[in-house]
Amino acid sequence: MKVIVLGSGVIGVTSAWELARAGHEVTVIDRSAGPALETSFANAGEVSPGYSTPWAAPGIPLKALKWAFQRHAPLVLNPLASLKAAGWLGQMLSNCTSEAYAVNKGRMVRVAEYSRDRLAALRQETGISYDERTQGTLQLLRSQKQLDGLQKDIEVLREDGVPFELLSAEECLLHEPGLAGSKHLIAGGLRLPGDETGDCFKFTNRLAEMAKALGVTFRHGVTVKGLDKQGDRIVGIQTSEGPMVADAYVVAMGSFSPALVKSLGMKLPVYPLKGYSLTIPIMDAARAPESTVMDETYKVAITRLGDRIRVGGLAEIAGFDTSLNDRRRATLEKSVGDLFGGAGDMAAATFWAGLRPMTPDGTPVIGRTPVQNLFLNTGHGTLGWTMSMGSAKVLSDIVSRRPTEIDASDLGISRYGRGVTATRGGLKPATA
């Protein structure tokens, strides 16, 4: 079957790889000059199934109000953009309950754990390298209040069989010796030993080359203008280089996916949540992180990528604006400076911003649509790198009409149907 994949970020390229492995003739179309030049370019670098947590959580509305008055807030609301995103924000707020949080985190962990296993299998089979490390994630907590708030996360981790370790400040230093100078800031930590790190940009480009060897065609510098629909099927796409036709179409365009499918009557609740990163050359390896440290206070990930430190995080409701904000840079610098002062050459750091395609419940949208030959693989938020390989295999199995290896019944766009609410087992019609 001929399949066109729209988008060549990590989600689009992994989708193309799995579809080609399943025997399909695949073409990838992207407006950029090469793979992973937008959201996948300089993300935090963490492959963190255990840290797969929805932004929509109990207490977030109150925290958001407090953050509005903080200089180094992890979540920033641009007033004009927030008005335009009012519907999406309303859906997100409706997911800030204990019940919804447990459902959403469980779904996210399910996809992320599967994805981590698929990534490990790919490494073993192909030898692909991308500055990877398999030394876990340390969620660093600066206060007793943060430690006390871990209980809900721990319950979900236990239920899903995800290994974890609760650590004292001294034990945190055993795994991350570079924190020695900041021990006085640490109340404790939650370590997730199954998590990994790696350079998403390197990975995506190397996998794209491997996909080409399988026969995948990449058409870069081509803009998708629209989808042509007849009856219940897509019969072609309009591009800057003319019409293109396939048997099936996969939308993996991140934050730009909703605009493309809107003309088909689909309301895809994916919003561009702006994030930032710093890439810092290492000056003193002994002071640098060994793997990923999540600074819970600022929602910032500090990751070792070869001879660099990647500091990524924050969430800004700013629409499709990718301009660089020095105030956000100051927050990233404060987090890494507090915890790993002197490890990197801050003056030589590269500052970047990208748009994470976020759903209101945190879970990606993977699978079928009401249009018979149109499929979605988008909405991964801050966890596209973490969920990429698993999402791609689920997508490929659905396109190929094969049974999926994990439950995918609650991952599709149908969960946003009118009158649908979350339950621990999946979805059910809402009752009065």
Protein backbone atom coordinates (compact mmCIF):
# COMPACT_ATOMS: atom_id res chain seq x y z
CA MET A 1 0.00 0.00 0.00
CA LYS A 2 1.20 3.53 -0.79
CA VAL A 3 1.30 5.73 2.32
CA ILE A 4 2.10 9.44 2.56
CA VAL A 5 3.36 10.67 5.94
CA LEU A 6 2.95 14.41 6.51
CA GLY A 7 5.75 15.65 8.75
CA SER A 8 9.40 14.65 9.27
CA GLY A 9 9.91 15.30 12.95
CA VAL A 10 10.67 12.36 15.21
CA ILE A 11 7.01 11.24 15.04
CA GLY A 12 6.84 11.39 11.24
CA VAL A 13 10.19 9.66 10.68
CA THR A 14 9.54 6.85 13.17
CA SER A 15 6.10 6.37 11.58
CA ALA A 16 7.70 6.12 8.15
CA TRP A 17 10.25 3.62 9.45
CA GLU A 18 7.64 1.32 10.98
CA LEU A 19 5.34 1.58 7.95
CA ALA A 20 8.21 0.67 5.63
CA ARG A 21 9.13 -2.25 7.87
CA ALA A 22 5.53 -3.40 7.56
CA GLY A 23 5.93 -3.54 3.79
CA HIS A 24 4.34 -0.29 2.69
CA GLU A 25 5.63 2.13 0.03
CA VAL A 26 6.17 5.31 2.02
CA THR A 27 6.72 8.96 1.08
CA VAL A 28 7.40 11.62 3.72
CA ILE A 29 6.52 15.25 2.96
CA ASP A 30 7.76 18.22 4.98
CA ARG A 31 8.15 21.95 4.39
CA SER A 32 11.52 22.04 6.18
CA ALA A 33 14.88 21.47 4.51
CA GLY A 34 15.51 18.23 6.45
CA PRO A 35 14.27 15.98 9.26
CA ALA A 36 13.76 17.22 12.83
CA LEU A 37 14.27 20.91 12.19
CA GLU A 38 11.31 22.15 14.22
CA THR A 39 10.00 20.74 17.52
CA SER A 40 12.39 17.74 17.45
CA PHE A 41 15.48 19.89 16.91
CA ALA A 42 16.62 20.80 20.43
CA ASN A 43 14.24 19.22 22.93
CA ALA A 44 15.22 18.24 26.46
CA GLY A 45 16.79 14.97 25.34
CA GLU A 46 15.02 12.71 27.81
CA VAL A 47 13.32 9.39 27.07
CA SER A 48 11.35 9.27 30.29
CA PRO A 49 8.44 6.82 30.50
CA GLY A 50 8.39 7.08 34.27
CA TYR A 51 8.10 10.86 34.10
CA SER A 52 5.19 10.74 31.63
CA THR A 53 2.88 13.02 33.53
CA PRO A 54 0.00 15.21 32.31
CA TRP A 55 0.31 18.95 32.81
CA ALA A 56 -3.39 18.78 33.66
CA ALA A 57 -3.20 17.71 37.30
CA PRO A 58 -4.99 18.39 40.59
CA GLY A 59 -3.82 21.70 41.99
CA ILE A 60 -2.57 23.10 38.68
CA PRO A 61 -5.24 25.85 38.44
CA LEU A 62 -4.18 27.24 41.83
CA LYS A 63 -0.49 26.86 40.99
CA ALA A 64 -1.02 28.67 37.69
CA LEU A 65 -2.43 31.65 39.59
CA LYS A 66 0.61 31.70 41.88
CA TRP A 67 3.01 31.31 38.94
CA ALA A 68 1.52 34.42 37.32
CA PHE A 69 3.35 36.48 39.96
CA GLN A 70 6.67 34.60 39.86
CA ARG A 71 9.70 35.61 37.83
CA HIS A 72 10.79 32.02 37.15
CA ALA A 73 7.39 30.42 36.59
CA PRO A 74 7.25 27.03 34.81
CA LEU A 75 3.97 27.98 33.10
CA VAL A 76 3.40 31.38 31.49
CA LEU A 77 0.11 32.59 30.00
CA ASN A 78 0.26 35.24 27.29
CA PRO A 79 -3.06 37.10 27.78
CA LEU A 80 -3.95 37.48 24.08
CA ALA A 81 -2.90 33.93 23.19
CA SER A 82 -4.75 32.60 26.25
CA LEU A 83 -8.00 34.16 25.02
CA LYS A 84 -7.59 32.43 21.66
CA ALA A 85 -6.83 29.16 23.46
CA ALA A 86 -9.77 29.49 25.85
CA GLY A 87 -11.54 26.36 24.60
CA TRP A 88 -8.41 24.24 24.86
CA LEU A 89 -7.63 25.63 28.31
CA GLY A 90 -11.17 24.80 29.41
CA GLN A 91 -10.68 21.19 28.32
CA MET A 92 -7.35 21.07 30.14
CA LEU A 93 -8.91 22.40 33.34
CA SER A 94 -11.62 19.73 33.13
CA ASN A 95 -8.81 17.14 33.27
CA CYS A 96 -7.35 18.60 36.49
CA THR A 97 -9.18 16.08 38.70
CA SER A 98 -7.69 13.13 40.54
CA GLU A 99 -9.71 10.63 38.49
CA ALA A 100 -8.82 12.15 35.11
CA TYR A 101 -5.17 12.52 36.15
CA ALA A 102 -4.91 8.82 37.01
CA VAL A 103 -6.50 7.82 33.68
CA ASN A 104 -4.35 10.16 31.61
CA LYS A 105 -1.08 9.30 33.35
CA GLY A 106 -1.84 5.60 33.00
CA ARG A 107 -2.39 5.98 29.25
CA MET A 108 0.76 8.05 28.84
CA VAL A 109 2.92 5.61 30.80
CA ARG A 110 1.49 2.71 28.77
CA VAL A 111 2.58 4.29 25.48
CA ALA A 112 5.89 5.55 26.85
CA GLU A 113 6.98 2.24 28.41
CA TYR A 114 6.17 0.43 25.18
CA SER A 115 8.07 3.07 23.23
CA ARG A 116 11.17 2.77 25.42
CA ASP A 117 11.17 -1.00 24.82
CA ARG A 118 10.80 -0.47 21.06
CA LEU A 119 13.72 1.98 21.11
CA ALA A 120 15.92 -0.50 22.96
CA ALA A 121 15.04 -3.19 20.42
CA LEU A 122 15.91 -0.84 17.56
CA ARG A 123 19.30 -0.10 19.11
CA GLN A 124 20.04 -3.78 19.55
CA GLU A 125 18.97 -4.64 16.01
CA THR A 126 20.56 -1.76 14.10
CA GLY A 127 23.27 -0.30 16.34
CA ILE A 128 21.87 3.22 15.89
CA SER A 129 23.63 5.76 18.12
CA TYR A 130 22.59 9.26 19.16
CA ASP A 131 24.54 10.23 22.34
CA GLU A 132 22.31 7.80 24.22
CA ARG A 133 22.62 6.90 27.90
CA THR A 134 20.55 4.44 29.91
CA GLN A 135 21.12 5.69 33.45
CA GLY A 136 17.62 6.76 34.45
CA THR A 137 15.93 10.02 35.41
CA LEU A 138 16.18 11.72 38.78
CA GLN A 139 13.20 13.90 39.69
CA LEU A 140 14.77 16.37 42.10
CA LEU A 141 12.60 17.78 44.87
CA ARG A 142 13.59 20.91 46.72
CA SER A 143 10.96 20.83 49.50
CA GLN A 144 9.12 18.45 51.79
CA LYS A 145 5.86 19.64 50.23
CA GLN A 146 7.04 18.36 46.86
CA LEU A 147 8.00 15.04 48.44
CA ASP A 148 4.56 14.74 50.03
CA GLY A 149 2.90 15.43 46.68
CA LEU A 150 4.49 12.39 45.04
CA GLN A 151 1.94 9.90 46.34
CA LYS A 152 -0.44 10.05 43.36
CA ASP A 153 2.42 9.53 40.91
CA ILE A 154 3.80 6.64 42.95
CA GLU A 155 0.40 4.92 42.99
CA VAL A 156 0.22 5.04 39.18
CA LEU A 157 3.83 3.86 38.83
CA ARG A 158 3.10 0.90 41.12
CA GLU A 159 -0.11 0.03 39.28
CA ASP A 160 1.68 0.09 35.92
CA GLY A 161 4.70 -1.84 37.21
CA VAL A 162 7.19 0.99 36.59
CA PRO A 163 10.31 0.62 38.77
CA PHE A 164 11.19 3.60 40.96
CA GLU A 165 13.32 4.53 43.96
CA LEU A 166 12.63 7.16 46.61
CA LEU A 167 15.94 8.78 47.54
CA SER A 168 17.26 10.99 50.31
CA ALA A 169 19.44 13.98 49.41
CA GLU A 170 22.56 11.90 50.12
CA GLU A 171 21.32 9.09 47.87
CA CYS A 172 20.61 11.56 45.06
CA LEU A 173 24.30 12.45 45.09
CA LEU A 174 25.30 8.81 44.64
CA HIS A 175 23.57 8.79 41.24
CA GLU A 176 24.42 12.38 40.30
CA PRO A 177 27.75 13.36 41.92
CA GLY A 178 27.65 16.71 40.12
CA LEU A 179 24.94 17.79 42.58
CA ALA A 180 27.44 17.84 45.46
CA GLY A 181 27.64 21.62 45.49
CA SER A 182 23.85 21.98 45.69
CA LYS A 183 23.06 19.40 48.37
CA HIS A 184 21.61 22.12 50.59
CA LEU A 185 18.87 22.71 47.99
CA ILE A 186 17.75 19.07 47.85
CA ALA A 187 15.00 17.55 49.98
CA GLY A 188 15.03 14.22 48.15
CA GLY A 189 14.30 12.62 44.84
CA LEU A 190 12.35 10.07 42.85
CA ARG A 191 14.61 8.01 40.60
CA LEU A 192 13.24 6.18 37.57
CA PRO A 193 16.00 3.72 36.60
CA GLY A 194 14.31 2.59 33.37
CA ASP A 195 14.49 6.03 31.74
CA GLU A 196 17.03 7.01 29.08
CA THR A 197 18.52 10.05 27.37
CA GLY A 198 19.61 10.89 23.85
CA ASP A 199 19.82 13.53 21.13
CA CYS A 200 16.47 13.48 19.32
CA PHE A 201 17.83 15.42 16.34
CA LYS A 202 20.69 12.97 15.79
CA PHE A 203 18.36 10.01 16.23
CA THR A 204 15.76 11.29 13.77
CA ASN A 205 18.29 12.06 11.07
CA ARG A 206 20.06 8.72 11.42
CA LEU A 207 16.75 6.84 11.36
CA ALA A 208 15.73 8.81 8.27
CA GLU A 209 18.86 7.58 6.50
CA MET A 210 18.05 4.03 7.54
CA ALA A 211 14.47 4.49 6.31
CA LYS A 212 15.77 5.63 2.93
CA ALA A 213 17.66 2.34 2.71
CA LEU A 214 14.29 0.60 3.13
CA GLY A 215 12.89 2.58 0.21
CA VAL A 216 11.25 5.52 1.99
CA THR A 217 11.19 8.69 -0.12
CA PHE A 218 11.65 12.05 1.61
CA ARG A 219 10.28 15.17 -0.10
CA HIS A 220 11.64 18.18 1.79
CA GLY A 221 10.86 21.80 1.06
CA VAL A 222 7.32 20.84 0.08
CA THR A 223 4.39 22.60 1.74
CA VAL A 224 1.10 20.78 2.28
CA LYS A 225 -1.79 23.07 1.33
CA GLY A 226 -4.80 20.84 1.88
CA LEU A 227 -6.52 17.46 1.73
CA ASP A 228 -8.92 16.47 -1.06
CA LYS A 229 -11.83 14.39 0.20
CA GLN A 230 -14.49 12.51 -1.74
CA GLY A 231 -17.09 10.61 0.22
CA ASP A 232 -15.42 9.12 3.28
CA ARG A 233 -11.90 8.97 1.80
CA ILE A 234 -8.96 11.25 1.02
CA VAL A 235 -8.26 11.07 -2.71
CA GLY A 236 -5.13 13.24 -2.69
CA ILE A 237 -3.28 16.14 -1.13
CA GLN A 238 -2.51 19.56 -2.55
CA THR A 239 1.12 20.67 -2.15
CA SER A 240 3.41 23.43 -3.32
CA GLU A 241 4.65 20.98 -5.95
CA GLY A 242 1.21 19.91 -7.12
CA PRO A 243 -1.18 17.09 -6.17
CA MET A 244 0.08 13.84 -4.64
CA VAL A 245 -1.87 10.61 -4.28
CA ALA A 246 -1.60 7.54 -2.03
CA ASP A 247 -3.77 4.82 -0.55
CA ALA A 248 -3.43 6.10 3.02
CA TYR A 249 -2.33 9.34 4.67
CA VAL A 250 -0.76 9.93 8.08
CA VAL A 251 -0.86 13.38 9.68
CA ALA A 252 2.21 13.82 11.91
CA MET A 253 2.54 17.60 11.72
CA GLY A 254 2.58 18.34 15.44
CA SER A 255 0.96 21.65 16.33
CA PHE A 256 0.02 22.26 12.71
CA SER A 257 -2.13 19.11 12.47
CA PRO A 258 -5.43 20.70 13.65
CA ALA A 259 -5.44 23.33 10.89
CA LEU A 260 -4.97 20.65 8.23
CA VAL A 261 -7.87 18.45 9.34
CA LYS A 262 -10.23 21.30 10.27
CA SER A 263 -11.58 21.47 6.71
CA LEU A 264 -12.73 17.85 7.15
CA GLY A 265 -14.89 18.83 10.11
CA MET A 266 -12.46 17.45 12.71
CA LYS A 267 -11.84 19.36 15.92
CA LEU A 268 -8.42 18.11 16.97
CA PRO A 269 -7.59 19.68 20.37
CA VAL A 270 -3.85 20.09 19.92
CA TYR A 271 -2.32 23.40 21.01
CA PRO A 272 1.25 24.69 20.45
CA LEU A 273 2.75 24.83 23.93
CA LYS A 274 5.95 26.82 23.60
CA GLY A 275 9.07 25.45 25.25
CA TYR A 276 12.69 26.55 25.46
CA SER A 277 16.10 24.94 25.70
CA LEU A 278 19.74 25.80 26.23
CA THR A 279 22.56 23.67 24.83
CA ILE A 280 25.71 24.25 26.86
CA PRO A 281 29.25 22.95 26.13
CA ILE A 282 30.64 21.06 29.13
CA MET A 283 33.65 22.68 30.82
CA ASP A 284 33.93 20.45 33.91
CA ALA A 285 32.61 16.92 33.39
CA ALA A 286 32.79 16.15 37.12
CA ARG A 287 30.18 18.83 37.80
CA ALA A 288 27.90 17.86 34.91
CA PRO A 289 24.85 15.56 35.13
CA GLU A 290 25.32 11.87 34.39
CA SER A 291 21.84 11.47 32.91
CA THR A 292 18.66 13.57 33.29
CA VAL A 293 17.77 15.56 36.38
CA MET A 294 14.24 16.96 36.49
CA ASP A 295 14.11 20.13 38.57
CA GLU A 296 10.55 19.84 39.86
CA THR A 297 10.46 23.43 41.09
CA TYR A 298 10.92 24.94 37.63
CA LYS A 299 9.74 21.95 35.53
CA VAL A 300 13.14 21.95 33.82
CA ALA A 301 15.08 18.91 32.57
CA ILE A 302 18.89 19.00 32.70
CA THR A 303 20.37 16.28 30.50
CA ARG A 304 23.85 15.05 29.55
CA LEU A 305 24.19 14.70 25.76
CA GLY A 306 27.75 13.68 24.96
CA ASP A 307 29.94 16.73 25.57
CA ARG A 308 26.93 19.03 26.01
CA ILE A 309 24.30 19.79 28.63
CA ARG A 310 20.78 20.26 27.33
CA VAL A 311 18.52 22.31 29.62
CA GLY A 312 14.92 22.19 28.46
CA GLY A 313 11.45 22.90 29.72
CA LEU A 314 8.93 25.58 30.64
CA ALA A 315 5.50 25.98 29.06
CA GLU A 316 4.25 29.17 27.50
CA ILE A 317 0.79 29.78 26.06
CA ALA A 318 1.88 32.05 23.20
CA GLY A 319 0.24 30.68 20.06
CA PHE A 320 2.63 29.98 17.19
CA ASP A 321 5.23 32.50 18.34
CA THR A 322 8.75 31.01 18.42
CA SER A 323 10.64 34.18 19.33
CA LEU A 324 13.25 33.90 22.05
CA ASN A 325 12.43 35.43 25.43
CA ASP A 326 15.39 36.38 27.64
CA ARG A 327 13.26 36.01 30.76
CA ARG A 328 12.68 32.33 29.94
CA ARG A 329 16.40 31.92 29.31
CA ALA A 330 17.07 33.32 32.77
CA THR A 331 14.86 30.59 34.28
CA LEU A 332 16.77 27.83 32.49
CA GLU A 333 20.08 29.38 33.54
CA LYS A 334 18.93 29.62 37.15
CA SER A 335 17.91 25.96 37.29
CA VAL A 336 21.13 24.60 35.83
CA GLY A 337 23.22 27.18 37.71
CA ASP A 338 21.64 26.23 41.04
CA LEU A 339 22.19 22.51 40.57
CA PHE A 340 25.24 22.16 38.32
CA GLY A 341 27.07 25.46 38.70
CA GLY A 342 30.39 25.58 36.85
CA ALA A 343 29.68 22.49 34.75
CA GLY A 344 29.13 24.29 31.45
CA ASP A 345 30.21 27.33 29.49
CA MET A 346 27.05 29.44 29.77
CA ALA A 347 28.51 32.18 27.56
CA ALA A 348 28.73 29.70 24.67
CA ALA A 349 25.21 28.29 25.16
CA THR A 350 22.73 28.09 22.28
CA PHE A 351 19.20 29.27 23.06
CA TRP A 352 16.20 27.75 21.23
CA ALA A 353 12.41 27.69 21.32
CA GLY A 354 9.94 25.21 19.83
CA LEU A 355 6.24 24.37 19.82
CA ARG A 356 5.11 21.18 21.57
CA PRO A 357 1.79 19.81 20.25
CA MET A 358 -0.16 19.40 23.48
CA THR A 359 -3.54 17.77 24.01
CA PRO A 360 -5.66 18.89 26.98
CA ASP A 361 -5.32 15.45 28.60
CA GLY A 362 -1.62 14.99 27.82
CA THR A 363 -2.13 11.78 25.81
CA PRO A 364 -1.20 11.74 22.10
CA VAL A 365 -3.79 11.14 19.38
CA ILE A 366 -2.89 7.97 17.50
CA GLY A 367 -4.95 6.00 15.02
CA ARG A 368 -8.02 6.17 12.82
CA THR A 369 -10.23 9.15 12.04
CA PRO A 370 -13.78 9.34 10.70
CA VAL A 371 -12.16 9.54 7.23
CA GLN A 372 -11.42 5.95 6.23
CA ASN A 373 -7.85 6.30 4.94
CA LEU A 374 -6.68 9.21 7.12
CA PHE A 375 -4.70 8.50 10.28
CA LEU A 376 -3.27 10.66 13.04
CA ASN A 377 -0.03 10.48 15.03
CA THR A 378 0.24 13.79 16.83
CA GLY A 379 -0.34 15.63 20.11
CA HIS A 380 2.60 14.21 22.08
CA GLY A 381 3.28 17.46 23.92
CA THR A 382 6.60 17.43 25.77
CA LEU A 383 6.99 13.66 25.27
CA GLY A 384 7.31 13.19 21.51
CA TRP A 385 10.84 11.80 21.82
CA THR A 386 9.81 9.56 24.72
CA MET A 387 6.73 8.16 22.93
CA SER A 388 7.98 8.17 19.33
CA MET A 389 8.89 4.54 18.65
CA GLY A 390 5.87 3.10 20.45
CA SER A 391 3.45 5.54 18.82
CA ALA A 392 4.90 4.71 15.41
CA LYS A 393 4.45 0.96 15.88
CA VAL A 394 0.87 1.41 17.10
CA LEU A 395 0.15 3.65 14.11
CA SER A 396 1.74 1.20 11.66
CA ASP A 397 -0.23 -1.73 13.06
CA ILE A 398 -3.49 0.22 12.77
CA VAL A 399 -2.77 1.31 9.19
CA SER A 400 -1.78 -2.28 8.34
CA ARG A 401 -4.96 -3.64 9.99
CA ARG A 402 -2.92 -5.70 12.43
CA PRO A 403 -3.59 -6.14 16.16
CA THR A 404 -1.66 -3.62 18.25
CA GLU A 405 0.71 -4.92 20.90
CA ILE A 406 -0.68 -2.53 23.53
CA ASP A 407 -4.23 -1.33 24.11
CA ALA A 408 -4.83 1.54 21.67
CA SER A 409 -8.60 1.77 22.07
CA ASP A 410 -8.41 5.02 24.06
CA LEU A 411 -5.68 6.76 22.06
CA GLY A 412 -7.69 7.95 19.04
CA ILE A 413 -9.52 11.18 18.29
CA SER A 414 -12.80 9.48 19.20
CA ARG A 415 -12.08 10.08 22.90
CA TYR A 416 -12.86 13.76 22.32
CA GLY A 417 -16.32 12.93 21.03
CA ARG A 418 -19.25 14.85 22.43
CA GLY A 419 -20.36 13.62 25.84
CA VAL A 420 -17.33 11.45 26.58
CA THR A 421 -15.61 11.29 29.97
CA ALA A 422 -12.55 9.46 31.23
CA THR A 423 -12.62 6.38 33.44
CA ARG A 424 -9.79 4.26 34.80
CA GLY A 425 -10.52 1.56 32.21
CA GLY A 426 -10.70 3.88 29.25
CA LEU A 427 -13.72 5.87 28.04
CA LYS A 428 -17.43 5.76 28.63
CA PRO A 429 -20.45 7.92 27.74
CA ALA A 430 -21.09 10.69 30.23
CA THR A 431 -24.19 10.37 32.37
CA ALA A 432 -26.42 13.13 33.69
